[in-house]
């Protein structure tokens, strides 16, 4: 895999330049940056994805996300259905999901651009473990940067029903 790494070269008092270099696993030489404008440009460039982005999924072996609003098909999460959805919200300050069921739930994150019934764009899937019994605190997830859509899934046969708390500011 080749990543792109930004290097800042110190021009010994002259204006520094930003350059891209392919990182093929070797070491990169760091450079001291004194120029405030160049330092700000470097920081802005390396902080991607920036706050408010929809994120990127680098999971290995992740299950396929179902179409928006649809149940999971055959596979690891067969029988999981949507219990709640939070629409994408660019003004969202934070969102918190807490699993208070007696079993696992699944969260599907996507950028919110796909219509109901369509394949979600830029989707990622992760599970939150359940509590020891319905009503007990299980897994939780919170973010201040994700602005996309969240769909929360639970198994249809979940004993005690799905008790999921989603708080958004």
N, C-alpha and C. Protein backbone atom coordinates (compact mmCIF):
# COMPACT_ATOMS: atom_id res chain seq x y z
N UNK A 1 0.85 -1.17 0.00
CA UNK A 1 0.00 0.00 0.00
C UNK A 1 0.90 1.23 0.00
N UNK A 2 0.52 2.23 -0.74
CA UNK A 2 1.28 3.47 -0.81
C UNK A 2 0.45 4.60 -0.25
N UNK A 3 0.98 5.28 0.75
CA UNK A 3 0.34 6.44 1.32
C UNK A 3 1.05 7.68 0.81
N UNK A 4 0.37 8.80 0.84
CA UNK A 4 1.01 10.05 0.48
C UNK A 4 1.30 10.81 1.76
N UNK A 5 2.54 11.20 1.94
CA UNK A 5 2.94 11.92 3.14
C UNK A 5 3.44 13.30 2.73
N UNK A 6 3.01 14.33 3.44
CA UNK A 6 3.45 15.68 3.14
C UNK A 6 4.73 15.98 3.90
N UNK A 7 5.67 16.54 3.20
CA UNK A 7 6.92 16.95 3.81
C UNK A 7 7.04 18.46 3.69
N UNK A 8 7.61 19.07 4.71
CA UNK A 8 7.87 20.50 4.66
C UNK A 8 9.38 20.66 4.71
N UNK A 9 9.92 21.32 3.69
CA UNK A 9 11.37 21.49 3.62
C UNK A 9 11.74 22.89 4.08
N UNK A 10 12.67 22.95 5.00
CA UNK A 10 13.11 24.22 5.54
C UNK A 10 14.05 24.86 4.54
N UNK A 11 13.68 26.05 4.07
CA UNK A 11 14.48 26.74 3.07
C UNK A 11 15.52 27.66 3.69
N UNK A 12 15.92 27.42 4.91
CA UNK A 12 16.92 28.22 5.61
C UNK A 12 16.62 29.70 5.50
N UNK A 13 15.41 30.07 5.91
CA UNK A 13 15.02 31.47 5.91
C UNK A 13 14.17 31.85 4.73
N UNK A 14 14.27 31.11 3.66
CA UNK A 14 13.42 31.42 2.51
C UNK A 14 12.09 30.69 2.69
N UNK A 15 11.14 30.97 1.82
CA UNK A 15 9.81 30.37 1.91
C UNK A 15 9.90 28.85 1.76
N UNK A 16 9.28 28.14 2.66
CA UNK A 16 9.28 26.68 2.58
C UNK A 16 8.20 26.22 1.61
N UNK A 17 8.37 25.03 1.10
CA UNK A 17 7.38 24.49 0.16
C UNK A 17 6.84 23.17 0.69
N UNK A 18 5.60 22.88 0.33
CA UNK A 18 4.99 21.60 0.65
C UNK A 18 5.13 20.69 -0.56
N UNK A 19 5.53 19.47 -0.34
CA UNK A 19 5.67 18.53 -1.44
C UNK A 19 5.11 17.19 -1.02
N UNK A 20 4.58 16.44 -1.96
CA UNK A 20 4.06 15.11 -1.69
C UNK A 20 5.10 14.09 -2.07
N UNK A 21 5.23 13.05 -1.27
CA UNK A 21 6.18 11.99 -1.56
C UNK A 21 5.50 10.67 -1.29
N UNK A 22 5.68 9.71 -2.17
CA UNK A 22 5.09 8.39 -1.96
C UNK A 22 5.84 7.70 -0.83
N UNK A 23 5.12 7.17 0.13
CA UNK A 23 5.71 6.44 1.23
C UNK A 23 5.58 4.96 0.93
N UNK A 24 6.68 4.32 0.63
CA UNK A 24 6.64 2.90 0.28
C UNK A 24 7.18 2.04 1.42
N UNK A 25 7.12 2.57 2.62
CA UNK A 25 7.56 1.79 3.77
C UNK A 25 8.89 2.25 4.33
N UNK A 26 9.61 3.09 3.61
CA UNK A 26 10.88 3.59 4.10
C UNK A 26 10.67 4.72 5.10
N UNK A 27 11.75 5.25 5.63
CA UNK A 27 11.62 6.33 6.59
C UNK A 27 11.56 7.67 5.88
N UNK A 28 10.94 8.64 6.52
CA UNK A 28 10.83 9.99 6.00
C UNK A 28 11.57 10.92 6.94
N UNK A 29 12.25 11.90 6.39
CA UNK A 29 13.01 12.84 7.21
C UNK A 29 12.12 14.01 7.60
N UNK A 30 11.97 14.26 8.92
CA UNK A 30 11.17 15.41 9.34
C UNK A 30 11.96 16.71 9.15
N UNK A 31 11.26 17.78 8.91
CA UNK A 31 11.87 19.08 8.75
C UNK A 31 11.25 20.06 9.72
N UNK A 32 12.06 20.94 10.24
CA UNK A 32 11.59 21.99 11.14
C UNK A 32 10.89 23.07 10.32
N UNK A 33 9.73 23.54 10.77
CA UNK A 33 8.98 24.55 10.05
C UNK A 33 8.88 25.79 10.94
N UNK A 34 9.46 26.89 10.49
CA UNK A 34 9.41 28.14 11.26
C UNK A 34 8.36 29.09 10.73
N UNK A 35 8.09 29.04 9.45
CA UNK A 35 7.14 29.96 8.84
C UNK A 35 5.72 29.62 9.28
N UNK A 36 5.02 30.57 9.93
CA UNK A 36 3.70 30.32 10.49
C UNK A 36 2.67 29.98 9.41
N UNK A 37 2.75 30.61 8.24
CA UNK A 37 1.80 30.34 7.16
C UNK A 37 1.99 28.92 6.64
N UNK A 38 3.23 28.53 6.43
CA UNK A 38 3.51 27.17 5.95
C UNK A 38 3.13 26.13 7.00
N UNK A 39 3.39 26.42 8.27
CA UNK A 39 3.04 25.50 9.34
C UNK A 39 1.52 25.31 9.38
N UNK A 40 0.76 26.39 9.24
CA UNK A 40 -0.70 26.30 9.22
C UNK A 40 -1.19 25.48 8.02
N UNK A 41 -0.55 25.67 6.87
CA UNK A 41 -0.93 24.92 5.67
C UNK A 41 -0.65 23.43 5.87
N UNK A 42 0.47 23.11 6.48
CA UNK A 42 0.82 21.71 6.74
C UNK A 42 -0.18 21.09 7.71
N UNK A 43 -0.48 21.76 8.79
CA UNK A 43 -1.43 21.23 9.76
C UNK A 43 -2.81 21.01 9.13
N UNK A 44 -3.25 21.95 8.32
CA UNK A 44 -4.55 21.81 7.66
C UNK A 44 -4.54 20.60 6.73
N UNK A 45 -3.43 20.37 6.05
CA UNK A 45 -3.34 19.27 5.09
C UNK A 45 -3.31 17.91 5.77
N UNK A 46 -2.65 17.80 6.92
CA UNK A 46 -2.51 16.48 7.54
C UNK A 46 -3.63 16.14 8.51
N UNK A 47 -4.55 17.05 8.74
CA UNK A 47 -5.64 16.76 9.65
C UNK A 47 -6.87 16.20 8.94
N UNK A 48 -6.75 15.80 7.68
CA UNK A 48 -7.88 15.19 6.97
C UNK A 48 -8.06 13.77 7.46
N UNK A 49 -9.24 13.23 7.58
CA UNK A 49 -10.48 13.95 7.35
C UNK A 49 -10.73 14.95 8.48
N UNK A 50 -11.17 16.10 8.10
CA UNK A 50 -11.37 17.18 9.06
C UNK A 50 -12.65 16.99 9.85
N UNK A 51 -12.80 17.72 10.92
CA UNK A 51 -14.02 17.67 11.71
C UNK A 51 -15.21 17.96 10.81
N UNK A 52 -16.24 17.19 10.97
CA UNK A 52 -17.43 17.38 10.14
C UNK A 52 -17.45 16.49 8.92
N UNK A 53 -16.40 15.71 8.72
CA UNK A 53 -16.39 14.82 7.57
C UNK A 53 -17.23 13.59 7.87
N UNK A 54 -17.45 12.78 6.88
CA UNK A 54 -18.21 11.55 7.08
C UNK A 54 -17.29 10.39 7.39
N UNK A 55 -15.99 10.58 7.33
CA UNK A 55 -15.05 9.54 7.69
C UNK A 55 -14.75 8.58 6.56
N UNK A 56 -13.82 7.68 6.83
CA UNK A 56 -13.44 6.65 5.86
C UNK A 56 -13.37 5.32 6.59
N UNK A 57 -13.78 4.25 5.93
CA UNK A 57 -13.78 2.93 6.54
C UNK A 57 -12.60 2.14 6.01
N UNK A 58 -11.70 1.76 6.91
CA UNK A 58 -10.53 0.96 6.55
C UNK A 58 -10.65 -0.45 7.15
N UNK A 59 -11.85 -0.92 7.40
CA UNK A 59 -12.08 -2.22 8.02
C UNK A 59 -11.65 -3.34 7.09
N UNK A 60 -11.20 -4.43 7.69
CA UNK A 60 -10.89 -5.63 6.93
C UNK A 60 -11.99 -6.65 7.19
N UNK A 61 -12.60 -7.18 6.16
CA UNK A 61 -13.61 -8.21 6.31
C UNK A 61 -14.93 -7.70 6.86
N UNK A 62 -15.22 -6.42 6.69
CA UNK A 62 -16.47 -5.87 7.22
C UNK A 62 -17.67 -6.42 6.45
N UNK A 63 -18.80 -6.62 7.14
CA UNK A 63 -20.00 -7.09 6.43
C UNK A 63 -20.54 -6.00 5.51
N UNK A 64 -21.23 -6.41 4.48
CA UNK A 64 -21.82 -5.44 3.56
C UNK A 64 -22.96 -4.71 4.25
N UNK A 65 -23.01 -3.42 4.07
CA UNK A 65 -24.09 -2.62 4.65
C UNK A 65 -25.36 -2.82 3.82
N UNK A 66 -26.51 -2.97 4.49
CA UNK A 66 -27.76 -3.11 3.75
C UNK A 66 -28.18 -1.78 3.12
N UNK A 67 -29.11 -1.83 2.19
CA UNK A 67 -29.65 -0.60 1.63
C UNK A 67 -30.29 0.23 2.74
N UNK A 68 -30.37 1.53 2.53
CA UNK A 68 -30.91 2.44 3.55
C UNK A 68 -32.33 2.01 3.92
N UNK A 69 -32.56 1.77 5.20
CA UNK A 69 -33.87 1.39 5.71
C UNK A 69 -34.20 -0.09 5.62
N UNK A 70 -33.36 -0.86 4.95
CA UNK A 70 -33.62 -2.30 4.76
C UNK A 70 -32.97 -3.11 5.87
N UNK A 71 -33.48 -4.33 6.07
CA UNK A 71 -32.88 -5.26 7.03
C UNK A 71 -31.59 -5.84 6.43
N UNK A 72 -30.72 -6.34 7.30
CA UNK A 72 -29.54 -7.05 6.84
C UNK A 72 -29.97 -8.33 6.13
N UNK A 73 -29.24 -8.70 5.10
CA UNK A 73 -29.50 -9.95 4.38
C UNK A 73 -28.76 -11.10 5.04
N UNK A 74 -28.54 -12.18 4.30
CA UNK A 74 -27.83 -13.34 4.86
C UNK A 74 -26.43 -12.94 5.33
N UNK A 75 -25.95 -13.63 6.34
CA UNK A 75 -24.61 -13.37 6.84
C UNK A 75 -24.61 -13.13 8.34
N UNK A 76 -23.57 -12.51 8.80
CA UNK A 76 -23.33 -12.30 10.22
C UNK A 76 -24.50 -11.63 10.94
N UNK A 77 -25.13 -10.64 10.31
CA UNK A 77 -26.21 -9.89 10.95
C UNK A 77 -27.58 -10.19 10.33
N UNK A 78 -27.76 -11.40 9.82
CA UNK A 78 -29.06 -11.80 9.27
C UNK A 78 -30.13 -11.66 10.34
N UNK A 79 -31.27 -11.09 9.99
CA UNK A 79 -32.36 -10.91 10.95
C UNK A 79 -32.29 -9.60 11.72
N UNK A 80 -31.27 -8.79 11.49
CA UNK A 80 -31.19 -7.48 12.14
C UNK A 80 -32.02 -6.48 11.33
N UNK A 81 -32.85 -5.70 12.02
CA UNK A 81 -33.72 -4.72 11.39
C UNK A 81 -33.45 -3.34 11.98
N UNK A 82 -33.81 -2.30 11.24
CA UNK A 82 -33.62 -0.93 11.71
C UNK A 82 -34.57 -0.64 12.86
N UNK A 83 -34.02 -0.14 13.98
CA UNK A 83 -34.87 0.26 15.11
C UNK A 83 -34.93 1.78 15.24
N UNK A 84 -33.94 2.48 14.74
CA UNK A 84 -33.99 3.94 14.71
C UNK A 84 -32.96 4.47 13.72
N UNK A 85 -33.25 5.65 13.19
CA UNK A 85 -32.36 6.32 12.24
C UNK A 85 -32.20 7.77 12.65
N UNK A 86 -31.00 8.28 12.56
CA UNK A 86 -30.73 9.71 12.74
C UNK A 86 -30.22 10.21 11.40
N UNK A 87 -30.88 11.19 10.84
CA UNK A 87 -30.50 11.75 9.55
C UNK A 87 -29.16 12.46 9.64
N UNK A 88 -28.51 12.61 8.50
CA UNK A 88 -27.28 13.41 8.45
C UNK A 88 -27.62 14.83 8.90
N UNK A 89 -26.69 15.43 9.62
CA UNK A 89 -26.94 16.76 10.17
C UNK A 89 -25.61 17.52 10.22
N UNK A 90 -25.36 18.42 9.26
CA UNK A 90 -24.09 19.14 9.24
C UNK A 90 -23.89 20.05 10.46
N UNK A 91 -24.96 20.37 11.17
CA UNK A 91 -24.84 21.23 12.35
C UNK A 91 -24.71 20.43 13.65
N UNK A 92 -24.65 19.12 13.55
CA UNK A 92 -24.57 18.26 14.74
C UNK A 92 -23.30 18.57 15.53
N UNK A 93 -23.45 18.80 16.82
CA UNK A 93 -22.30 19.03 17.69
C UNK A 93 -21.74 17.71 18.21
N UNK A 94 -22.61 16.79 18.56
CA UNK A 94 -22.17 15.46 18.97
C UNK A 94 -23.36 14.50 18.91
N UNK A 95 -23.03 13.22 18.90
CA UNK A 95 -24.06 12.19 18.95
C UNK A 95 -23.52 11.03 19.76
N UNK A 96 -24.40 10.44 20.55
CA UNK A 96 -24.02 9.36 21.45
C UNK A 96 -25.02 8.23 21.29
N UNK A 97 -24.54 6.99 21.11
CA UNK A 97 -25.39 5.82 20.99
C UNK A 97 -25.04 4.88 22.14
N UNK A 98 -26.04 4.49 22.91
CA UNK A 98 -25.82 3.58 24.03
C UNK A 98 -26.74 2.37 23.88
N UNK A 99 -26.16 1.19 23.98
CA UNK A 99 -26.91 -0.05 23.86
C UNK A 99 -27.32 -0.52 25.26
N UNK A 100 -28.58 -0.47 25.53
CA UNK A 100 -29.11 -0.91 26.82
C UNK A 100 -29.96 -2.17 26.67
N UNK A 101 -29.74 -2.91 25.58
CA UNK A 101 -30.47 -4.15 25.35
C UNK A 101 -29.71 -5.29 25.99
N UNK A 102 -30.30 -6.45 25.96
CA UNK A 102 -29.63 -7.64 26.47
C UNK A 102 -28.83 -8.36 25.40
N UNK A 103 -28.62 -7.73 24.25
CA UNK A 103 -27.88 -8.35 23.16
C UNK A 103 -27.22 -7.29 22.31
N UNK A 104 -26.42 -7.72 21.34
CA UNK A 104 -25.70 -6.76 20.51
C UNK A 104 -26.61 -5.99 19.55
N UNK A 105 -26.19 -4.79 19.21
CA UNK A 105 -26.83 -4.00 18.16
C UNK A 105 -25.76 -3.67 17.13
N UNK A 106 -26.18 -3.18 15.99
CA UNK A 106 -25.25 -2.81 14.92
C UNK A 106 -25.55 -1.37 14.51
N UNK A 107 -24.49 -0.61 14.31
CA UNK A 107 -24.61 0.78 13.84
C UNK A 107 -24.06 0.84 12.42
N UNK A 108 -24.85 1.40 11.52
CA UNK A 108 -24.39 1.64 10.14
C UNK A 108 -24.26 3.14 9.98
N UNK A 109 -23.05 3.60 9.69
CA UNK A 109 -22.77 5.02 9.44
C UNK A 109 -22.63 5.21 7.94
N UNK A 110 -23.21 6.26 7.42
CA UNK A 110 -22.97 6.61 6.02
C UNK A 110 -23.08 8.12 5.88
N UNK A 111 -22.78 8.63 4.70
CA UNK A 111 -22.73 10.09 4.54
C UNK A 111 -24.11 10.74 4.41
N UNK A 112 -25.16 9.94 4.30
CA UNK A 112 -26.52 10.48 4.28
C UNK A 112 -27.01 10.94 2.92
N UNK A 113 -26.24 10.70 1.86
CA UNK A 113 -26.64 11.17 0.54
C UNK A 113 -27.57 10.21 -0.19
N UNK A 114 -27.54 8.93 0.17
CA UNK A 114 -28.37 7.94 -0.52
C UNK A 114 -29.82 8.01 -0.04
N UNK A 115 -30.75 7.83 -0.96
CA UNK A 115 -32.18 7.83 -0.63
C UNK A 115 -32.57 6.50 0.00
N UNK A 116 -33.72 6.47 0.64
CA UNK A 116 -34.25 5.25 1.23
C UNK A 116 -34.34 4.16 0.16
N UNK A 117 -33.86 2.97 0.49
CA UNK A 117 -33.88 1.85 -0.44
C UNK A 117 -32.64 1.73 -1.29
N UNK A 118 -31.79 2.76 -1.32
CA UNK A 118 -30.57 2.74 -2.12
C UNK A 118 -29.38 2.28 -1.27
N UNK A 119 -28.32 1.87 -1.93
CA UNK A 119 -27.10 1.49 -1.22
C UNK A 119 -26.49 2.74 -0.58
N UNK A 120 -26.12 2.66 0.69
CA UNK A 120 -25.54 3.82 1.36
C UNK A 120 -24.15 4.13 0.80
N UNK A 121 -23.83 5.42 0.73
CA UNK A 121 -22.51 5.85 0.24
C UNK A 121 -21.57 6.02 1.42
N UNK A 122 -20.33 5.60 1.25
CA UNK A 122 -19.29 5.75 2.28
C UNK A 122 -19.73 5.14 3.61
N UNK A 123 -20.29 3.94 3.56
CA UNK A 123 -20.83 3.31 4.77
C UNK A 123 -19.78 2.52 5.53
N UNK A 124 -19.95 2.46 6.83
CA UNK A 124 -19.18 1.57 7.68
C UNK A 124 -20.14 0.96 8.70
N UNK A 125 -19.80 -0.24 9.16
CA UNK A 125 -20.66 -1.02 10.04
C UNK A 125 -19.86 -1.41 11.27
N UNK A 126 -20.45 -1.22 12.46
CA UNK A 126 -19.80 -1.72 13.66
C UNK A 126 -20.85 -2.15 14.68
N UNK A 127 -20.47 -3.06 15.56
CA UNK A 127 -21.39 -3.60 16.56
C UNK A 127 -21.09 -3.00 17.93
N UNK A 128 -22.14 -2.91 18.74
CA UNK A 128 -22.01 -2.53 20.15
C UNK A 128 -22.59 -3.66 20.98
N UNK A 129 -21.80 -4.19 21.88
CA UNK A 129 -22.23 -5.29 22.71
C UNK A 129 -23.39 -4.90 23.62
N UNK A 130 -24.18 -5.90 23.99
CA UNK A 130 -25.32 -5.66 24.87
C UNK A 130 -24.93 -5.71 26.33
N UNK A 131 -25.84 -5.23 27.19
CA UNK A 131 -25.65 -5.33 28.63
C UNK A 131 -25.91 -6.75 29.09
N UNK A 132 -25.71 -7.01 30.38
CA UNK A 132 -25.90 -8.36 30.92
C UNK A 132 -27.37 -8.76 30.93
N UNK A 133 -28.26 -7.77 30.85
CA UNK A 133 -29.70 -8.02 30.82
C UNK A 133 -30.36 -6.81 30.17
N UNK A 134 -31.59 -6.96 29.65
CA UNK A 134 -32.27 -5.78 29.10
C UNK A 134 -32.33 -4.65 30.13
N UNK A 135 -31.97 -3.46 29.72
CA UNK A 135 -31.94 -2.30 30.60
C UNK A 135 -30.57 -2.00 31.17
N UNK A 136 -29.66 -2.97 31.13
CA UNK A 136 -28.30 -2.76 31.64
C UNK A 136 -27.45 -2.11 30.56
N UNK A 137 -26.52 -1.29 30.97
CA UNK A 137 -25.63 -0.59 30.03
C UNK A 137 -24.74 -1.58 29.30
N UNK A 138 -24.74 -1.48 27.98
CA UNK A 138 -23.85 -2.28 27.15
C UNK A 138 -22.85 -1.36 26.48
N UNK A 139 -22.51 -1.66 25.23
CA UNK A 139 -21.55 -0.86 24.49
C UNK A 139 -22.09 0.53 24.17
N UNK A 140 -21.19 1.47 24.00
CA UNK A 140 -21.56 2.84 23.66
C UNK A 140 -20.57 3.39 22.65
N UNK A 141 -21.03 4.37 21.88
CA UNK A 141 -20.19 5.04 20.89
C UNK A 141 -20.59 6.50 20.87
N UNK A 142 -19.60 7.37 20.81
CA UNK A 142 -19.86 8.81 20.81
C UNK A 142 -18.89 9.49 19.86
N UNK A 143 -19.35 10.56 19.22
CA UNK A 143 -18.47 11.32 18.33
C UNK A 143 -18.89 12.78 18.31
N UNK A 144 -17.91 13.64 18.12
CA UNK A 144 -18.18 15.07 17.94
C UNK A 144 -17.90 15.49 16.50
N UNK A 145 -17.45 14.57 15.67
CA UNK A 145 -17.07 14.93 14.31
C UNK A 145 -17.95 14.33 13.22
N UNK A 146 -18.61 13.22 13.47
CA UNK A 146 -19.39 12.56 12.42
C UNK A 146 -20.70 13.30 12.20
N UNK A 147 -20.96 13.70 10.96
CA UNK A 147 -22.16 14.47 10.61
C UNK A 147 -23.13 13.70 9.73
N UNK A 148 -22.78 12.47 9.36
CA UNK A 148 -23.60 11.68 8.44
C UNK A 148 -24.78 11.00 9.13
N UNK A 149 -25.43 10.09 8.38
CA UNK A 149 -26.60 9.35 8.87
C UNK A 149 -26.15 8.16 9.72
N UNK A 150 -26.94 7.87 10.75
CA UNK A 150 -26.75 6.68 11.57
C UNK A 150 -28.03 5.85 11.50
N UNK A 151 -27.87 4.56 11.24
CA UNK A 151 -28.99 3.63 11.33
C UNK A 151 -28.62 2.60 12.39
N UNK A 152 -29.51 2.38 13.34
CA UNK A 152 -29.26 1.44 14.42
C UNK A 152 -30.09 0.19 14.16
N UNK A 153 -29.44 -0.97 14.19
CA UNK A 153 -30.08 -2.26 13.91
C UNK A 153 -30.04 -3.15 15.15
N UNK A 154 -31.08 -3.95 15.32
CA UNK A 154 -31.13 -4.95 16.38
C UNK A 154 -31.76 -6.21 15.82
N UNK A 155 -31.47 -7.37 16.43
CA UNK A 155 -32.09 -8.61 15.95
C UNK A 155 -33.60 -8.58 16.19
N UNK A 156 -34.36 -9.13 15.25
CA UNK A 156 -35.82 -9.15 15.40
C UNK A 156 -36.23 -9.99 16.60
N UNK A 157 -35.45 -10.99 16.95
CA UNK A 157 -35.81 -11.91 18.03
C UNK A 157 -35.21 -11.50 19.38
N UNK A 158 -34.78 -10.27 19.51
CA UNK A 158 -34.13 -9.82 20.74
C UNK A 158 -35.08 -9.91 21.93
N UNK A 159 -34.73 -10.71 22.91
CA UNK A 159 -35.55 -10.86 24.11
C UNK A 159 -35.56 -9.56 24.88
N UNK A 160 -36.74 -9.10 25.26
CA UNK A 160 -36.84 -7.85 26.02
C UNK A 160 -36.93 -6.62 25.14
N UNK A 161 -36.86 -6.80 23.84
CA UNK A 161 -36.95 -5.67 22.93
C UNK A 161 -35.64 -4.91 22.84
N UNK A 162 -35.58 -4.02 21.89
CA UNK A 162 -34.37 -3.20 21.69
C UNK A 162 -34.52 -1.92 22.48
N UNK A 163 -33.60 -1.67 23.37
CA UNK A 163 -33.58 -0.46 24.18
C UNK A 163 -32.28 0.26 23.87
N UNK A 164 -32.36 1.19 22.94
CA UNK A 164 -31.17 1.89 22.48
C UNK A 164 -31.39 3.38 22.72
N UNK A 165 -30.42 4.02 23.33
CA UNK A 165 -30.49 5.44 23.58
C UNK A 165 -29.62 6.16 22.57
N UNK A 166 -30.19 7.14 21.86
CA UNK A 166 -29.42 7.96 20.92
C UNK A 166 -29.65 9.41 21.33
N UNK A 167 -28.57 10.08 21.66
CA UNK A 167 -28.65 11.50 22.06
C UNK A 167 -27.85 12.33 21.07
N UNK A 168 -28.44 13.42 20.63
CA UNK A 168 -27.81 14.28 19.63
C UNK A 168 -27.94 15.73 20.04
N UNK A 169 -26.84 16.46 19.92
CA UNK A 169 -26.83 17.92 20.15
C UNK A 169 -26.49 18.61 18.86
